[in-house]
Amino acid sequence: MPFSWSLANTLRAAELVLLLGGLGVWVATGAHLGLTQTSLVTMKRDEVTGIDYPERRPGFVAGIEVPLGTAAGAILFALLSLAAERRRPAP
């Protein structure tokens, strides 16, 4: 049976791309188990007084909601692909 790009197969491919993309972004930015951070805190030491102080700088670390959100989207695509397959008439 030759492979054809039906609606169900397209949705399954989109689900795989979405899931792997979300996991890839999460792992590439640090796999942070908290919420997404848009600034990073580093500790600096004042040379004169020797006191440590926090310094914020721009940055991005994807939180756990990124892979969970893309997994939810992938589940939605999977359910839609099952519904599209059931509607398809048998040849």
N, C-alpha and C. Protein backbone atom coordinates (compact mmCIF):
# COMPACT_ATOMS: atom_id res chain seq x y z
N MET A 1 0.85 -1.19 0.00
CA MET A 1 0.00 0.00 0.00
C MET A 1 0.89 1.24 0.00
N PRO A 2 0.77 2.08 -1.00
CA PRO A 2 1.62 3.28 -1.07
C PRO A 2 1.18 4.31 -0.04
N PHE A 3 2.18 5.10 0.40
CA PHE A 3 1.92 6.14 1.39
C PHE A 3 1.31 7.35 0.71
N SER A 4 0.26 7.90 1.30
CA SER A 4 -0.35 9.11 0.76
C SER A 4 -0.51 10.12 1.89
N TRP A 5 -0.40 11.38 1.55
CA TRP A 5 -0.53 12.45 2.54
C TRP A 5 -2.00 12.79 2.73
N SER A 6 -2.69 11.98 3.49
CA SER A 6 -4.07 12.28 3.84
C SER A 6 -4.07 13.29 4.99
N LEU A 7 -5.23 13.75 5.36
CA LEU A 7 -5.35 14.70 6.47
C LEU A 7 -4.85 14.07 7.76
N ALA A 8 -5.18 12.80 7.99
CA ALA A 8 -4.75 12.12 9.21
C ALA A 8 -3.23 12.02 9.27
N ASN A 9 -2.59 11.67 8.17
CA ASN A 9 -1.14 11.55 8.15
C ASN A 9 -0.46 12.91 8.30
N THR A 10 -1.04 13.94 7.74
CA THR A 10 -0.50 15.30 7.89
C THR A 10 -0.58 15.75 9.34
N LEU A 11 -1.70 15.46 10.00
CA LEU A 11 -1.84 15.82 11.41
C LEU A 11 -0.86 15.05 12.28
N ARG A 12 -0.61 13.79 11.95
CA ARG A 12 0.36 13.00 12.72
C ARG A 12 1.77 13.54 12.54
N ALA A 13 2.11 13.95 11.33
CA ALA A 13 3.43 14.55 11.10
C ALA A 13 3.56 15.87 11.85
N ALA A 14 2.50 16.69 11.84
CA ALA A 14 2.52 17.96 12.56
C ALA A 14 2.63 17.73 14.06
N GLU A 15 1.99 16.69 14.55
CA GLU A 15 2.07 16.37 15.98
C GLU A 15 3.49 15.99 16.37
N LEU A 16 4.16 15.22 15.54
CA LEU A 16 5.54 14.82 15.82
C LEU A 16 6.48 16.03 15.79
N VAL A 17 6.32 16.88 14.80
CA VAL A 17 7.15 18.08 14.69
C VAL A 17 6.93 19.00 15.89
N LEU A 18 5.68 19.18 16.28
CA LEU A 18 5.35 20.04 17.42
C LEU A 18 5.95 19.49 18.71
N LEU A 19 5.81 18.21 18.94
CA LEU A 19 6.32 17.59 20.16
C LEU A 19 7.84 17.66 20.21
N LEU A 20 8.51 17.29 19.13
CA LEU A 20 9.98 17.33 19.11
C LEU A 20 10.50 18.76 19.17
N GLY A 21 9.80 19.69 18.54
CA GLY A 21 10.22 21.10 18.59
C GLY A 21 10.13 21.67 20.00
N GLY A 22 9.04 21.39 20.69
CA GLY A 22 8.88 21.87 22.06
C GLY A 22 9.92 21.28 23.00
N LEU A 23 10.16 19.98 22.87
CA LEU A 23 11.18 19.35 23.70
C LEU A 23 12.57 19.87 23.35
N GLY A 24 12.81 20.11 22.07
CA GLY A 24 14.11 20.63 21.65
C GLY A 24 14.40 22.01 22.19
N VAL A 25 13.40 22.89 22.15
CA VAL A 25 13.57 24.24 22.70
C VAL A 25 13.82 24.18 24.19
N TRP A 26 13.07 23.33 24.87
CA TRP A 26 13.21 23.22 26.33
C TRP A 26 14.60 22.71 26.70
N VAL A 27 15.07 21.68 26.03
CA VAL A 27 16.40 21.13 26.33
C VAL A 27 17.50 22.10 25.92
N ALA A 28 17.34 22.76 24.78
CA ALA A 28 18.38 23.67 24.29
C ALA A 28 18.57 24.89 25.18
N THR A 29 17.51 25.30 25.87
CA THR A 29 17.63 26.48 26.73
C THR A 29 17.89 26.15 28.18
N GLY A 30 18.06 24.87 28.51
CA GLY A 30 18.47 24.53 29.87
C GLY A 30 17.59 23.56 30.61
N ALA A 31 16.48 23.12 30.04
CA ALA A 31 15.58 22.14 30.68
C ALA A 31 15.23 22.54 32.11
N HIS A 32 14.75 23.76 32.28
CA HIS A 32 14.39 24.31 33.59
C HIS A 32 13.04 23.74 34.03
N LEU A 33 12.96 23.21 35.26
CA LEU A 33 11.72 22.61 35.74
C LEU A 33 10.75 23.62 36.33
N GLY A 34 11.16 24.87 36.47
CA GLY A 34 10.27 25.92 36.94
C GLY A 34 9.57 26.58 35.77
N LEU A 35 9.08 27.79 35.98
CA LEU A 35 8.44 28.55 34.92
C LEU A 35 9.49 29.25 34.05
N THR A 36 9.06 29.70 32.90
CA THR A 36 9.97 30.36 31.96
C THR A 36 10.56 31.62 32.57
N GLN A 37 11.85 31.82 32.37
CA GLN A 37 12.55 33.01 32.85
C GLN A 37 12.99 33.85 31.66
N THR A 38 12.75 35.15 31.74
CA THR A 38 13.16 36.05 30.67
C THR A 38 14.35 36.92 31.06
N SER A 39 14.85 36.75 32.26
CA SER A 39 16.09 37.41 32.67
C SER A 39 16.86 36.46 33.58
N LEU A 40 18.18 36.57 33.54
CA LEU A 40 19.03 35.69 34.33
C LEU A 40 19.71 36.49 35.42
N VAL A 41 19.85 35.89 36.59
CA VAL A 41 20.48 36.54 37.74
C VAL A 41 21.85 35.92 37.95
N THR A 42 22.87 36.79 38.02
CA THR A 42 24.22 36.34 38.36
C THR A 42 24.68 37.13 39.57
N MET A 43 25.47 36.49 40.41
CA MET A 43 26.00 37.17 41.59
C MET A 43 27.34 37.82 41.26
N LYS A 44 27.46 39.08 41.60
CA LYS A 44 28.69 39.85 41.40
C LYS A 44 29.25 40.25 42.75
N ARG A 45 30.53 40.51 42.80
CA ARG A 45 31.17 40.94 44.05
C ARG A 45 31.72 42.36 43.84
N ASP A 46 31.36 43.24 44.75
CA ASP A 46 31.88 44.60 44.72
C ASP A 46 33.36 44.56 45.11
N GLU A 47 34.21 45.14 44.26
CA GLU A 47 35.65 45.08 44.49
C GLU A 47 36.09 45.87 45.72
N VAL A 48 35.38 46.95 46.04
CA VAL A 48 35.79 47.81 47.15
C VAL A 48 35.34 47.24 48.49
N THR A 49 34.04 46.89 48.58
CA THR A 49 33.50 46.44 49.87
C THR A 49 33.54 44.92 50.04
N GLY A 50 33.62 44.17 48.95
CA GLY A 50 33.61 42.72 49.03
C GLY A 50 32.23 42.12 49.23
N ILE A 51 31.19 42.93 49.03
CA ILE A 51 29.82 42.47 49.22
C ILE A 51 29.32 41.87 47.91
N ASP A 52 28.65 40.71 48.01
CA ASP A 52 28.02 40.09 46.85
C ASP A 52 26.65 40.71 46.62
N TYR A 53 26.31 40.93 45.35
CA TYR A 53 25.01 41.48 45.00
C TYR A 53 24.51 40.83 43.71
N PRO A 54 23.19 40.69 43.57
CA PRO A 54 22.64 40.08 42.35
C PRO A 54 22.60 41.10 41.20
N GLU A 55 22.87 40.61 40.02
CA GLU A 55 22.80 41.46 38.82
C GLU A 55 21.95 40.74 37.78
N ARG A 56 20.95 41.43 37.27
CA ARG A 56 20.07 40.84 36.25
C ARG A 56 20.58 41.21 34.87
N ARG A 57 20.48 40.22 33.96
CA ARG A 57 20.82 40.48 32.57
C ARG A 57 19.77 39.79 31.70
N PRO A 58 19.55 40.30 30.51
CA PRO A 58 18.55 39.67 29.63
C PRO A 58 18.97 38.25 29.26
N GLY A 59 17.99 37.39 29.17
CA GLY A 59 18.24 36.00 28.78
C GLY A 59 16.92 35.26 28.71
N PHE A 60 16.96 34.04 28.21
CA PHE A 60 15.74 33.24 28.09
C PHE A 60 16.05 31.80 28.47
N VAL A 61 15.25 31.29 29.40
CA VAL A 61 15.31 29.88 29.78
C VAL A 61 13.87 29.36 29.76
N ALA A 62 13.60 28.42 28.85
CA ALA A 62 12.24 27.88 28.73
C ALA A 62 11.93 27.04 29.96
N GLY A 63 10.74 27.23 30.48
CA GLY A 63 10.29 26.48 31.64
C GLY A 63 9.53 25.23 31.25
N ILE A 64 9.02 24.54 32.25
CA ILE A 64 8.34 23.27 32.04
C ILE A 64 7.04 23.44 31.26
N GLU A 65 6.48 24.65 31.22
CA GLU A 65 5.22 24.83 30.48
C GLU A 65 5.42 24.73 28.98
N VAL A 66 6.64 24.88 28.49
CA VAL A 66 6.89 24.77 27.05
C VAL A 66 6.69 23.33 26.58
N PRO A 67 7.37 22.32 27.16
CA PRO A 67 7.11 20.96 26.68
C PRO A 67 5.72 20.45 27.04
N LEU A 68 5.16 20.90 28.17
CA LEU A 68 3.81 20.48 28.53
C LEU A 68 2.77 21.07 27.57
N GLY A 69 2.97 22.32 27.18
CA GLY A 69 2.05 22.94 26.23
C GLY A 69 2.12 22.32 24.85
N THR A 70 3.34 22.02 24.41
CA THR A 70 3.46 21.38 23.09
C THR A 70 2.95 19.94 23.14
N ALA A 71 3.10 19.28 24.28
CA ALA A 71 2.54 17.93 24.41
C ALA A 71 1.02 17.97 24.35
N ALA A 72 0.42 18.99 24.95
CA ALA A 72 -1.04 19.15 24.89
C ALA A 72 -1.48 19.40 23.44
N GLY A 73 -0.73 20.22 22.72
CA GLY A 73 -1.04 20.45 21.31
C GLY A 73 -0.87 19.18 20.48
N ALA A 74 0.15 18.39 20.79
CA ALA A 74 0.37 17.14 20.08
C ALA A 74 -0.77 16.15 20.35
N ILE A 75 -1.26 16.13 21.58
CA ILE A 75 -2.40 15.25 21.90
C ILE A 75 -3.64 15.69 21.13
N LEU A 76 -3.84 17.00 21.03
CA LEU A 76 -4.97 17.52 20.26
C LEU A 76 -4.85 17.10 18.79
N PHE A 77 -3.67 17.23 18.21
CA PHE A 77 -3.46 16.80 16.82
C PHE A 77 -3.69 15.31 16.67
N ALA A 78 -3.28 14.51 17.66
CA ALA A 78 -3.48 13.06 17.60
C ALA A 78 -4.98 12.73 17.61
N LEU A 79 -5.74 13.41 18.46
CA LEU A 79 -7.18 13.17 18.50
C LEU A 79 -7.85 13.61 17.20
N LEU A 80 -7.40 14.74 16.65
CA LEU A 80 -7.95 15.19 15.37
C LEU A 80 -7.60 14.22 14.24
N SER A 81 -6.40 13.65 14.28
CA SER A 81 -6.03 12.69 13.23
C SER A 81 -6.87 11.42 13.33
N LEU A 82 -7.18 10.99 14.55
CA LEU A 82 -8.06 9.83 14.71
C LEU A 82 -9.47 10.13 14.19
N ALA A 83 -9.96 11.33 14.46
CA ALA A 83 -11.28 11.72 13.97
C ALA A 83 -11.28 11.81 12.45
N ALA A 84 -10.19 12.34 11.87
CA ALA A 84 -10.12 12.45 10.40
C ALA A 84 -10.03 11.07 9.76
N GLU A 85 -9.38 10.14 10.43
CA GLU A 85 -9.26 8.78 9.88
C GLU A 85 -10.60 8.05 9.92
N ARG A 86 -11.39 8.30 10.95
CA ARG A 86 -12.70 7.64 11.06
C ARG A 86 -13.67 8.16 10.01
N ARG A 87 -13.52 9.42 9.62
CA ARG A 87 -14.42 10.02 8.63
C ARG A 87 -14.08 9.58 7.22
N ARG A 88 -12.86 9.11 7.03
CA ARG A 88 -12.39 8.75 5.68
C ARG A 88 -13.09 7.48 5.20
N PRO A 89 -13.70 7.53 4.03
CA PRO A 89 -14.38 6.33 3.52
C PRO A 89 -13.38 5.27 3.08
N ALA A 90 -13.74 4.02 3.26
CA ALA A 90 -12.84 2.92 2.85
C ALA A 90 -12.81 2.84 1.32
N PRO A 91 -11.63 2.62 0.73
CA PRO A 91 -11.53 2.56 -0.75
C PRO A 91 -12.07 1.28 -1.30
